[in-house]
PDB file of N, CA and C in Angstrom:
ATOM      1  N   UNK A   1      -2.189   8.370 -20.963  1.00  0.00           N
ATOM      2  CA  UNK A   1      -1.944   8.237 -19.538  1.00  0.00           C
ATOM      3  C   UNK A   1      -0.438   8.249 -19.283  1.00  0.00           C
ATOM      4  N   UNK A   2      -0.010   8.975 -18.275  1.00  0.00           N
ATOM      5  CA  UNK A   2       1.407   9.097 -17.931  1.00  0.00           C
ATOM      6  C   UNK A   2       1.843   7.883 -17.117  1.00  0.00           C
ATOM      7  N   UNK A   3       2.528   6.919 -17.766  1.00  0.00           N
ATOM      8  CA  UNK A   3       2.926   5.695 -17.068  1.00  0.00           C
ATOM      9  C   UNK A   3       3.988   5.937 -16.009  1.00  0.00           C
ATOM     10  N   UNK A   4       4.693   7.050 -16.062  1.00  0.00           N
ATOM     11  CA  UNK A   4       5.742   7.298 -15.071  1.00  0.00           C
ATOM     12  C   UNK A   4       5.170   7.435 -13.669  1.00  0.00           C
ATOM     13  N   UNK A   5       3.883   7.770 -13.549  1.00  0.00           N
ATOM     14  CA  UNK A   5       3.294   7.910 -12.221  1.00  0.00           C
ATOM     15  C   UNK A   5       3.137   6.570 -11.533  1.00  0.00           C
ATOM     16  N   UNK A   6       3.345   5.489 -12.249  1.00  0.00           N
ATOM     17  CA  UNK A   6       3.245   4.164 -11.681  1.00  0.00           C
ATOM     18  C   UNK A   6       4.603   3.534 -11.419  1.00  0.00           C
ATOM     19  N   UNK A   7       5.633   4.352 -11.237  1.00  0.00           N
ATOM     20  CA  UNK A   7       6.939   3.816 -10.851  1.00  0.00           C
ATOM     21  C   UNK A   7       6.834   3.289  -9.419  1.00  0.00           C
ATOM     22  N   UNK A   8       7.787   2.489  -9.015  1.00  0.00           N
ATOM     23  CA  UNK A   8       7.799   1.938  -7.654  1.00  0.00           C
ATOM     24  C   UNK A   8       7.718   3.059  -6.617  1.00  0.00           C
ATOM     25  N   UNK A   9       8.516   4.086  -6.792  1.00  0.00           N
ATOM     26  CA  UNK A   9       8.535   5.197  -5.832  1.00  0.00           C
ATOM     27  C   UNK A   9       7.199   5.927  -5.792  1.00  0.00           C
ATOM     28  N   UNK A  10       6.585   6.114  -6.951  1.00  0.00           N
ATOM     29  CA  UNK A  10       5.300   6.811  -7.001  1.00  0.00           C
ATOM     30  C   UNK A  10       4.197   5.982  -6.340  1.00  0.00           C
ATOM     31  N   UNK A  11       4.213   4.678  -6.576  1.00  0.00           N
ATOM     32  CA  UNK A  11       3.230   3.808  -5.939  1.00  0.00           C
ATOM     33  C   UNK A  11       3.434   3.824  -4.427  1.00  0.00           C
ATOM     34  N   UNK A  12       4.680   3.680  -3.977  1.00  0.00           N
ATOM     35  CA  UNK A  12       4.977   3.675  -2.541  1.00  0.00           C
ATOM     36  C   UNK A  12       4.546   4.980  -1.881  1.00  0.00           C
ATOM     37  N   UNK A  13       4.760   6.101  -2.545  1.00  0.00           N
ATOM     38  CA  UNK A  13       4.366   7.398  -1.984  1.00  0.00           C
ATOM     39  C   UNK A  13       2.844   7.488  -1.845  1.00  0.00           C
ATOM     40  N   UNK A  14       2.132   7.005  -2.837  1.00  0.00           N
ATOM     41  CA  UNK A  14       0.667   7.040  -2.765  1.00  0.00           C
ATOM     42  C   UNK A  14       0.166   6.078  -1.686  1.00  0.00           C
ATOM     43  N   UNK A  15       0.808   4.919  -1.542  1.00  0.00           N
ATOM     44  CA  UNK A  15       0.435   3.970  -0.488  1.00  0.00           C
ATOM     45  C   UNK A  15       0.677   4.615   0.881  1.00  0.00           C
ATOM     46  N   UNK A  16       1.797   5.309   1.041  1.00  0.00           N
ATOM     47  CA  UNK A  16       2.069   6.013   2.311  1.00  0.00           C
ATOM     48  C   UNK A  16       0.939   6.996   2.638  1.00  0.00           C
ATOM     49  N   UNK A  17       0.486   7.727   1.637  1.00  0.00           N
ATOM     50  CA  UNK A  17      -0.609   8.677   1.830  1.00  0.00           C
ATOM     51  C   UNK A  17      -1.882   7.950   2.294  1.00  0.00           C
ATOM     52  N   UNK A  18      -2.177   6.818   1.667  1.00  0.00           N
ATOM     53  CA  UNK A  18      -3.368   6.057   2.046  1.00  0.00           C
ATOM     54  C   UNK A  18      -3.221   5.467   3.447  1.00  0.00           C
ATOM     55  N   UNK A  19      -2.022   5.018   3.793  1.00  0.00           N
ATOM     56  CA  UNK A  19      -1.766   4.500   5.147  1.00  0.00           C
ATOM     57  C   UNK A  19      -1.965   5.614   6.169  1.00  0.00           C
ATOM     58  N   UNK A  20      -1.460   6.798   5.865  1.00  0.00           N
ATOM     59  CA  UNK A  20      -1.569   7.932   6.790  1.00  0.00           C
ATOM     60  C   UNK A  20      -3.026   8.225   7.116  1.00  0.00           C
ATOM     61  N   UNK A  21      -3.903   8.057   6.147  1.00  0.00           N
ATOM     62  CA  UNK A  21      -5.327   8.312   6.378  1.00  0.00           C
ATOM     63  C   UNK A  21      -5.956   7.277   7.303  1.00  0.00           C
ATOM     64  N   UNK A  22      -5.345   6.093   7.411  1.00  0.00           N
ATOM     65  CA  UNK A  22      -5.883   5.015   8.251  1.00  0.00           C
ATOM     66  C   UNK A  22      -5.212   4.947   9.632  1.00  0.00           C
ATOM     67  N   UNK A  23      -4.124   5.669   9.805  1.00  0.00           N
ATOM     68  CA  UNK A  23      -3.345   5.547  11.039  1.00  0.00           C
ATOM     69  C   UNK A  23      -4.097   6.081  12.258  1.00  0.00           C
ATOM     70  N   UNK A  24      -3.862   5.429  13.399  1.00  0.00           N
ATOM     71  CA  UNK A  24      -4.463   5.924  14.639  1.00  0.00           C
ATOM     72  C   UNK A  24      -3.952   7.327  14.976  1.00  0.00           C
ATOM     73  N   UNK A  25      -4.748   8.084  15.709  1.00  0.00           N
ATOM     74  CA  UNK A  25      -4.350   9.434  16.127  1.00  0.00           C
ATOM     75  C   UNK A  25      -3.030   9.366  16.882  1.00  0.00           C
ATOM     76  N   UNK A  26      -2.186  10.340  16.634  1.00  0.00           N
ATOM     77  CA  UNK A  26      -0.899  10.412  17.308  1.00  0.00           C
ATOM     78  C   UNK A  26       0.238   9.715  16.583  1.00  0.00           C
ATOM     79  N   UNK A  27      -0.070   8.968  15.548  1.00  0.00           N
ATOM     80  CA  UNK A  27       0.964   8.303  14.749  1.00  0.00           C
ATOM     81  C   UNK A  27       1.366   9.227  13.605  1.00  0.00           C
ATOM     82  N   UNK A  28       2.636   9.153  13.234  1.00  0.00           N
ATOM     83  CA  UNK A  28       3.166  10.009  12.175  1.00  0.00           C
ATOM     84  C   UNK A  28       3.754   9.142  11.072  1.00  0.00           C
ATOM     85  N   UNK A  29       3.222   9.269   9.876  1.00  0.00           N
ATOM     86  CA  UNK A  29       3.694   8.470   8.747  1.00  0.00           C
ATOM     87  C   UNK A  29       5.165   8.728   8.461  1.00  0.00           C
ATOM     88  N   UNK A  30       5.650   9.921   8.750  1.00  0.00           N
ATOM     89  CA  UNK A  30       7.059  10.250   8.484  1.00  0.00           C
ATOM     90  C   UNK A  30       8.006   9.368   9.298  1.00  0.00           C
ATOM     91  N   UNK A  31       7.536   8.851  10.424  1.00  0.00           N
ATOM     92  CA  UNK A  31       8.396   8.021  11.270  1.00  0.00           C
ATOM     93  C   UNK A  31       8.303   6.537  10.914  1.00  0.00           C
ATOM     94  N   UNK A  32       7.516   6.203   9.905  1.00  0.00           N
ATOM     95  CA  UNK A  32       7.320   4.812   9.504  1.00  0.00           C
ATOM     96  C   UNK A  32       8.191   4.470   8.308  1.00  0.00           C
ATOM     97  N   UNK A  33       9.011   3.455   8.459  1.00  0.00           N
ATOM     98  CA  UNK A  33       9.792   2.988   7.308  1.00  0.00           C
ATOM     99  C   UNK A  33       8.952   1.975   6.528  1.00  0.00           C
ATOM    100  N   UNK A  34       9.327   1.727   5.304  1.00  0.00           N
ATOM    101  CA  UNK A  34       8.514   0.917   4.389  1.00  0.00           C
ATOM    102  C   UNK A  34       8.367  -0.538   4.801  1.00  0.00           C
ATOM    103  N   UNK A  35       9.250  -1.029   5.687  1.00  0.00           N
ATOM    104  CA  UNK A  35       9.175  -2.425   6.116  1.00  0.00           C
ATOM    105  C   UNK A  35       8.542  -2.597   7.490  1.00  0.00           C
ATOM    106  N   UNK A  36       8.003  -1.525   8.064  1.00  0.00           N
ATOM    107  CA  UNK A  36       7.320  -1.602   9.351  1.00  0.00           C
ATOM    108  C   UNK A  36       5.943  -2.229   9.154  1.00  0.00           C
ATOM    109  N   UNK A  37       5.598  -3.183  10.002  1.00  0.00           N
ATOM    110  CA  UNK A  37       4.288  -3.811   9.916  1.00  0.00           C
ATOM    111  C   UNK A  37       3.201  -2.761  10.092  1.00  0.00           C
ATOM    112  N   UNK A  38       2.171  -2.870   9.279  1.00  0.00           N
ATOM    113  CA  UNK A  38       1.053  -1.936   9.387  1.00  0.00           C
ATOM    114  C   UNK A  38       0.057  -2.381  10.453  1.00  0.00           C
ATOM    115  N   UNK A  39       0.177  -3.623  10.918  1.00  0.00           N
ATOM    116  CA  UNK A  39      -0.733  -4.173  11.920  1.00  0.00           C
ATOM    117  C   UNK A  39      -0.397  -3.740  13.337  1.00  0.00           C
ATOM    118  N   UNK A  40      -0.961  -4.456  14.293  1.00  0.00           N
ATOM    119  CA  UNK A  40      -0.850  -4.112  15.711  1.00  0.00           C
ATOM    120  C   UNK A  40       0.589  -4.067  16.211  1.00  0.00           C
ATOM    121  N   UNK A  41       1.474  -4.872  15.636  1.00  0.00           N
ATOM    122  CA  UNK A  41       2.862  -4.902  16.112  1.00  0.00           C
ATOM    123  C   UNK A  41       3.710  -3.766  15.548  1.00  0.00           C
ATOM    124  N   UNK A  42       3.124  -2.944  14.693  1.00  0.00           N
ATOM    125  CA  UNK A  42       3.870  -1.837  14.088  1.00  0.00           C
ATOM    126  C   UNK A  42       3.100  -0.541  14.172  1.00  0.00           C
ATOM    127  N   UNK A  43       2.478  -0.168  13.073  1.00  0.00           N
ATOM    128  CA  UNK A  43       1.722   1.080  12.984  1.00  0.00           C
ATOM    129  C   UNK A  43       0.495   1.055  13.896  1.00  0.00           C
ATOM    130  N   UNK A  44      -0.134  -0.101  14.004  1.00  0.00           N
ATOM    131  CA  UNK A  44      -1.275  -0.223  14.898  1.00  0.00           C
ATOM    132  C   UNK A  44      -2.636  -0.274  14.226  1.00  0.00           C
ATOM    133  N   UNK A  45      -2.660  -0.571  12.919  1.00  0.00           N
ATOM    134  CA  UNK A  45      -3.951  -0.687  12.239  1.00  0.00           C
ATOM    135  C   UNK A  45      -4.647  -1.972  12.684  1.00  0.00           C
ATOM    136  N   UNK A  46      -5.939  -1.865  12.974  1.00  0.00           N
ATOM    137  CA  UNK A  46      -6.701  -3.065  13.303  1.00  0.00           C
ATOM    138  C   UNK A  46      -7.144  -3.738  12.000  1.00  0.00           C
ATOM    139  N   UNK A  47      -7.814  -4.879  12.131  1.00  0.00           N
ATOM    140  CA  UNK A  47      -8.176  -5.652  10.936  1.00  0.00           C
ATOM    141  C   UNK A  47      -9.128  -4.886  10.015  1.00  0.00           C
ATOM    142  N   UNK A  48     -10.029  -4.117  10.578  1.00  0.00           N
ATOM    143  CA  UNK A  48     -10.959  -3.340   9.750  1.00  0.00           C
ATOM    144  C   UNK A  48     -10.200  -2.267   8.968  1.00  0.00           C
ATOM    145  N   UNK A  49      -9.282  -1.575   9.639  1.00  0.00           N
ATOM    146  CA  UNK A  49      -8.479  -0.544   8.970  1.00  0.00           C
ATOM    147  C   UNK A  49      -7.603  -1.154   7.884  1.00  0.00           C
ATOM    148  N   UNK A  50      -7.099  -2.353   8.112  1.00  0.00           N
ATOM    149  CA  UNK A  50      -6.268  -3.017   7.097  1.00  0.00           C
ATOM    150  C   UNK A  50      -7.099  -3.330   5.849  1.00  0.00           C
ATOM    151  N   UNK A  51      -8.306  -3.841   6.041  1.00  0.00           N
ATOM    152  CA  UNK A  51      -9.177  -4.133   4.899  1.00  0.00           C
ATOM    153  C   UNK A  51      -9.525  -2.837   4.172  1.00  0.00           C
ATOM    154  N   UNK A  52      -9.847  -1.791   4.922  1.00  0.00           N
ATOM    155  CA  UNK A  52     -10.156  -0.501   4.305  1.00  0.00           C
ATOM    156  C   UNK A  52      -8.961   0.030   3.524  1.00  0.00           C
ATOM    157  N   UNK A  53      -7.753  -0.167   4.036  1.00  0.00           N
ATOM    158  CA  UNK A  53      -6.544   0.272   3.334  1.00  0.00           C
ATOM    159  C   UNK A  53      -6.379  -0.482   2.016  1.00  0.00           C
ATOM    160  N   UNK A  54      -6.534  -1.789   2.044  1.00  0.00           N
ATOM    161  CA  UNK A  54      -6.399  -2.579   0.820  1.00  0.00           C
ATOM    162  C   UNK A  54      -7.454  -2.167  -0.199  1.00  0.00           C
ATOM    163  N   UNK A  55      -8.687  -1.957   0.261  1.00  0.00           N
ATOM    164  CA  UNK A  55      -9.748  -1.521  -0.654  1.00  0.00           C
ATOM    165  C   UNK A  55      -9.450  -0.135  -1.218  1.00  0.00           C
ATOM    166  N   UNK A  56      -8.908   0.761  -0.402  1.00  0.00           N
ATOM    167  CA  UNK A  56      -8.536   2.097  -0.884  1.00  0.00           C
ATOM    168  C   UNK A  56      -7.447   1.994  -1.948  1.00  0.00           C
ATOM    169  N   UNK A  57      -6.492   1.087  -1.751  1.00  0.00           N
ATOM    170  CA  UNK A  57      -5.429   0.886  -2.747  1.00  0.00           C
ATOM    171  C   UNK A  57      -6.013   0.336  -4.046  1.00  0.00           C
ATOM    172  N   UNK A  58      -6.948  -0.594  -3.932  1.00  0.00           N
ATOM    173  CA  UNK A  58      -7.577  -1.137  -5.137  1.00  0.00           C
ATOM    174  C   UNK A  58      -8.303  -0.041  -5.915  1.00  0.00           C
ATOM    175  N   UNK A  59      -9.004   0.829  -5.207  1.00  0.00           N
ATOM    176  CA  UNK A  59      -9.702   1.933  -5.880  1.00  0.00           C
ATOM    177  C   UNK A  59      -8.709   2.920  -6.490  1.00  0.00           C
ATOM    178  N   UNK A  60      -7.671   3.253  -5.739  1.00  0.00           N
ATOM    179  CA  UNK A  60      -6.692   4.249  -6.184  1.00  0.00           C
ATOM    180  C   UNK A  60      -6.000   3.824  -7.476  1.00  0.00           C
ATOM    181  N   UNK A  61      -5.629   2.549  -7.559  1.00  0.00           N
ATOM    182  CA  UNK A  61      -4.851   2.064  -8.701  1.00  0.00           C
ATOM    183  C   UNK A  61      -5.694   1.256  -9.692  1.00  0.00           C
ATOM    184  N   UNK A  62      -6.977   1.136  -9.433  1.00  0.00           N
ATOM    185  CA  UNK A  62      -7.895   0.385 -10.288  1.00  0.00           C
ATOM    186  C   UNK A  62      -7.360  -1.020 -10.552  1.00  0.00           C
ATOM    187  N   UNK A  63      -7.057  -1.717  -9.457  1.00  0.00           N
ATOM    188  CA  UNK A  63      -6.559  -3.090  -9.530  1.00  0.00           C
ATOM    189  C   UNK A  63      -7.363  -3.951  -8.562  1.00  0.00           C
ATOM    190  N   UNK A  64      -7.217  -5.230  -8.703  1.00  0.00           N
ATOM    191  CA  UNK A  64      -7.793  -6.202  -7.767  1.00  0.00           C
ATOM    192  C   UNK A  64      -6.617  -6.934  -7.142  1.00  0.00           C
ATOM    193  N   UNK A  65      -6.473  -6.799  -5.829  1.00  0.00           N
ATOM    194  CA  UNK A  65      -5.360  -7.451  -5.131  1.00  0.00           C
ATOM    195  C   UNK A  65      -5.804  -8.831  -4.659  1.00  0.00           C
ATOM    196  N   UNK A  66      -4.884  -9.798  -4.672  1.00  0.00           N
ATOM    197  CA  UNK A  66      -5.230 -11.155  -4.236  1.00  0.00           C
ATOM    198  C   UNK A  66      -5.610 -11.178  -2.754  1.00  0.00           C
ATOM    199  N   UNK A  67      -6.445 -12.137  -2.383  1.00  0.00           N
ATOM    200  CA  UNK A  67      -6.927 -12.217  -0.998  1.00  0.00           C
ATOM    201  C   UNK A  67      -5.793 -12.417  -0.001  1.00  0.00           C
ATOM    202  N   UNK A  68      -4.677 -13.020  -0.426  1.00  0.00           N
ATOM    203  CA  UNK A  68      -3.577 -13.217   0.527  1.00  0.00           C
ATOM    204  C   UNK A  68      -2.966 -11.886   0.965  1.00  0.00           C
ATOM    205  N   UNK A  69      -3.148 -10.824   0.189  1.00  0.00           N
ATOM    206  CA  UNK A  69      -2.677  -9.498   0.605  1.00  0.00           C
ATOM    207  C   UNK A  69      -3.496  -9.020   1.793  1.00  0.00           C
ATOM    208  N   UNK A  70      -4.800  -9.190   1.716  1.00  0.00           N
ATOM    209  CA  UNK A  70      -5.675  -8.782   2.807  1.00  0.00           C
ATOM    210  C   UNK A  70      -5.403  -9.619   4.056  1.00  0.00           C
ATOM    211  N   UNK A  71      -5.115 -10.893   3.869  1.00  0.00           N
ATOM    212  CA  UNK A  71      -4.919 -11.806   4.984  1.00  0.00           C
ATOM    213  C   UNK A  71      -3.505 -11.778   5.552  1.00  0.00           C
ATOM    214  N   UNK A  72      -2.602 -11.056   4.924  1.00  0.00           N
ATOM    215  CA  UNK A  72      -1.209 -11.025   5.383  1.00  0.00           C
ATOM    216  C   UNK A  72      -1.118 -10.430   6.790  1.00  0.00           C
ATOM    217  N   UNK A  73      -0.425 -11.141   7.661  1.00  0.00           N
ATOM    218  CA  UNK A  73      -0.275 -10.648   9.035  1.00  0.00           C
ATOM    219  C   UNK A  73       0.852  -9.635   9.135  1.00  0.00           C
ATOM    220  N   UNK A  74       1.749  -9.632   8.191  1.00  0.00           N
ATOM    221  CA  UNK A  74       2.889  -8.712   8.222  1.00  0.00           C
ATOM    222  C   UNK A  74       2.848  -7.753   7.041  1.00  0.00           C
ATOM    223  N   UNK A  75       1.684  -7.211   6.750  1.00  0.00           N
ATOM    224  CA  UNK A  75       1.550  -6.276   5.643  1.00  0.00           C
ATOM    225  C   UNK A  75       2.359  -5.017   5.935  1.00  0.00           C
ATOM    226  N   UNK A  76       3.122  -4.578   4.947  1.00  0.00           N
ATOM    227  CA  UNK A  76       3.948  -3.376   5.068  1.00  0.00           C
ATOM    228  C   UNK A  76       3.689  -2.472   3.876  1.00  0.00           C
ATOM    229  N   UNK A  77       4.193  -1.261   3.938  1.00  0.00           N
ATOM    230  CA  UNK A  77       4.081  -0.367   2.785  1.00  0.00           C
ATOM    231  C   UNK A  77       4.770  -1.010   1.579  1.00  0.00           C
ATOM    232  N   UNK A  78       5.935  -1.588   1.805  1.00  0.00           N
ATOM    233  CA  UNK A  78       6.688  -2.221   0.716  1.00  0.00           C
ATOM    234  C   UNK A  78       5.930  -3.404   0.133  1.00  0.00           C
ATOM    235  N   UNK A  79       5.397  -4.297   0.973  1.00  0.00           N
ATOM    236  CA  UNK A  79       4.701  -5.471   0.442  1.00  0.00           C
ATOM    237  C   UNK A  79       3.418  -5.069  -0.291  1.00  0.00           C
ATOM    238  N   UNK A  80       2.755  -4.034   0.186  1.00  0.00           N
ATOM    239  CA  UNK A  80       1.558  -3.539  -0.495  1.00  0.00           C
ATOM    240  C   UNK A  80       1.926  -2.896  -1.830  1.00  0.00           C
ATOM    241  N   UNK A  81       3.025  -2.157  -1.864  1.00  0.00           N
ATOM    242  CA  UNK A  81       3.505  -1.544  -3.108  1.00  0.00           C
ATOM    243  C   UNK A  81       3.824  -2.619  -4.146  1.00  0.00           C
ATOM    244  N   UNK A  82       4.513  -3.668  -3.730  1.00  0.00           N
ATOM    245  CA  UNK A  82       4.870  -4.759  -4.646  1.00  0.00           C
ATOM    246  C   UNK A  82       3.612  -5.471  -5.149  1.00  0.00           C
ATOM    247  N   UNK A  83       2.641  -5.694  -4.272  1.00  0.00           N
ATOM    248  CA  UNK A  83       1.398  -6.342  -4.683  1.00  0.00           C
ATOM    249  C   UNK A  83       0.663  -5.496  -5.727  1.00  0.00           C
ATOM    250  N   UNK A  84       0.663  -4.189  -5.543  1.00  0.00           N
ATOM    251  CA  UNK A  84       0.025  -3.292  -6.514  1.00  0.00           C
ATOM    252  C   UNK A  84       0.774  -3.343  -7.845  1.00  0.00           C
ATOM    253  N   UNK A  85       2.104  -3.304  -7.795  1.00  0.00           N
ATOM    254  CA  UNK A  85       2.898  -3.389  -9.029  1.00  0.00           C
ATOM    255  C   UNK A  85       2.556  -4.651  -9.813  1.00  0.00           C
ATOM    256  N   UNK A  86       2.438  -5.763  -9.098  1.00  0.00           N
ATOM    257  CA  UNK A  86       2.135  -7.036  -9.769  1.00  0.00           C
ATOM    258  C   UNK A  86       0.732  -7.043 -10.361  1.00  0.00           C
ATOM    259  N   UNK A  87      -0.184  -6.314  -9.739  1.00  0.00           N
ATOM    260  CA  UNK A  87      -1.572  -6.290 -10.211  1.00  0.00           C
ATOM    261  C   UNK A  87      -1.793  -5.325 -11.375  1.00  0.00           C
ATOM    262  N   UNK A  88      -0.888  -4.353 -11.528  1.00  0.00           N
ATOM    263  CA  UNK A  88      -1.027  -3.390 -12.620  1.00  0.00           C
ATOM    264  C   UNK A  88      -0.765  -4.074 -13.965  1.00  0.00           C
ATOM    265  N   UNK A  89      -1.520  -3.715 -14.988  1.00  0.00           N
ATOM    266  CA  UNK A  89      -1.201  -4.220 -16.320  1.00  0.00           C
ATOM    267  C   UNK A  89       0.223  -3.787 -16.708  1.00  0.00           C
ATOM    268  N   UNK A  90       0.939  -4.635 -17.374  1.00  0.00           N
ATOM    269  CA  UNK A  90       2.338  -4.364 -17.725  1.00  0.00           C
ATOM    270  C   UNK A  90       2.512  -3.016 -18.410  1.00  0.00           C
ATOM    271  N   UNK A  91       1.584  -2.624 -19.252  1.00  0.00           N
ATOM    272  CA  UNK A  91       1.692  -1.348 -19.985  1.00  0.00           C
ATOM    273  C   UNK A  91       1.637  -0.145 -19.068  1.00  0.00           C
ATOM    274  N   UNK A  92       1.105  -0.305 -17.858  1.00  0.00           N
ATOM    275  CA  UNK A  92       0.963   0.826 -16.942  1.00  0.00           C
ATOM    276  C   UNK A  92       2.082   0.886 -15.909  1.00  0.00           C
ATOM    277  N   UNK A  93       2.982  -0.068 -15.930  1.00  0.00           N
ATOM    278  CA  UNK A  93       4.080  -0.080 -14.969  1.00  0.00           C
ATOM    279  C   UNK A  93       5.154   0.887 -15.410  1.00  0.00           C
ATOM    280  N   UNK A  94       5.774   1.540 -14.443  1.00  0.00           N
ATOM    281  CA  UNK A  94       6.855   2.452 -14.741  1.00  0.00           C
ATOM    282  C   UNK A  94       8.117   1.700 -15.134  1.00  0.00           C
ATOM    283  N   UNK A  95       9.152   2.427 -15.509  1.00  0.00           N
ATOM    284  CA  UNK A  95      10.416   1.792 -15.878  1.00  0.00           C
ATOM    285  C   UNK A  95      10.976   0.973 -14.722  1.00  0.00           C
ATOM    286  N   UNK A  96      11.449  -0.214 -15.022  1.00  0.00           N
ATOM    287  CA  UNK A  96      12.075  -1.056 -14.015  1.00  0.00           C
ATOM    288  C   UNK A  96      11.109  -1.755 -13.089  1.00  0.00           C
ATOM    289  N   UNK A  97       9.820  -1.683 -13.370  1.00  0.00           N
ATOM    290  CA  UNK A  97       8.833  -2.321 -12.491  1.00  0.00           C
ATOM    291  C   UNK A  97       8.356  -3.601 -13.121  1.00  0.00           C
TER     292      UNK A  97
END
């Protein structure tokens, strides 16, 4: 398995792709910075979309994220990326992760 695909940048890029699939119509992922809230005060994901996003991330990276990630009111691309990095087995983390 190519561990380089699990670098911070690679994880963040894949999370952006998953967020884009959950975004409301008319929103553009390119205009979203990594620290923008994914909830109603930012991107506009409702609670169901947020849960679906977390579950999609768990499937994508074959990890189990802690419940506080799902319950986070200020979930961002960056915070989700960091949570995934922490959940990955150390052997699968990219350099510097």
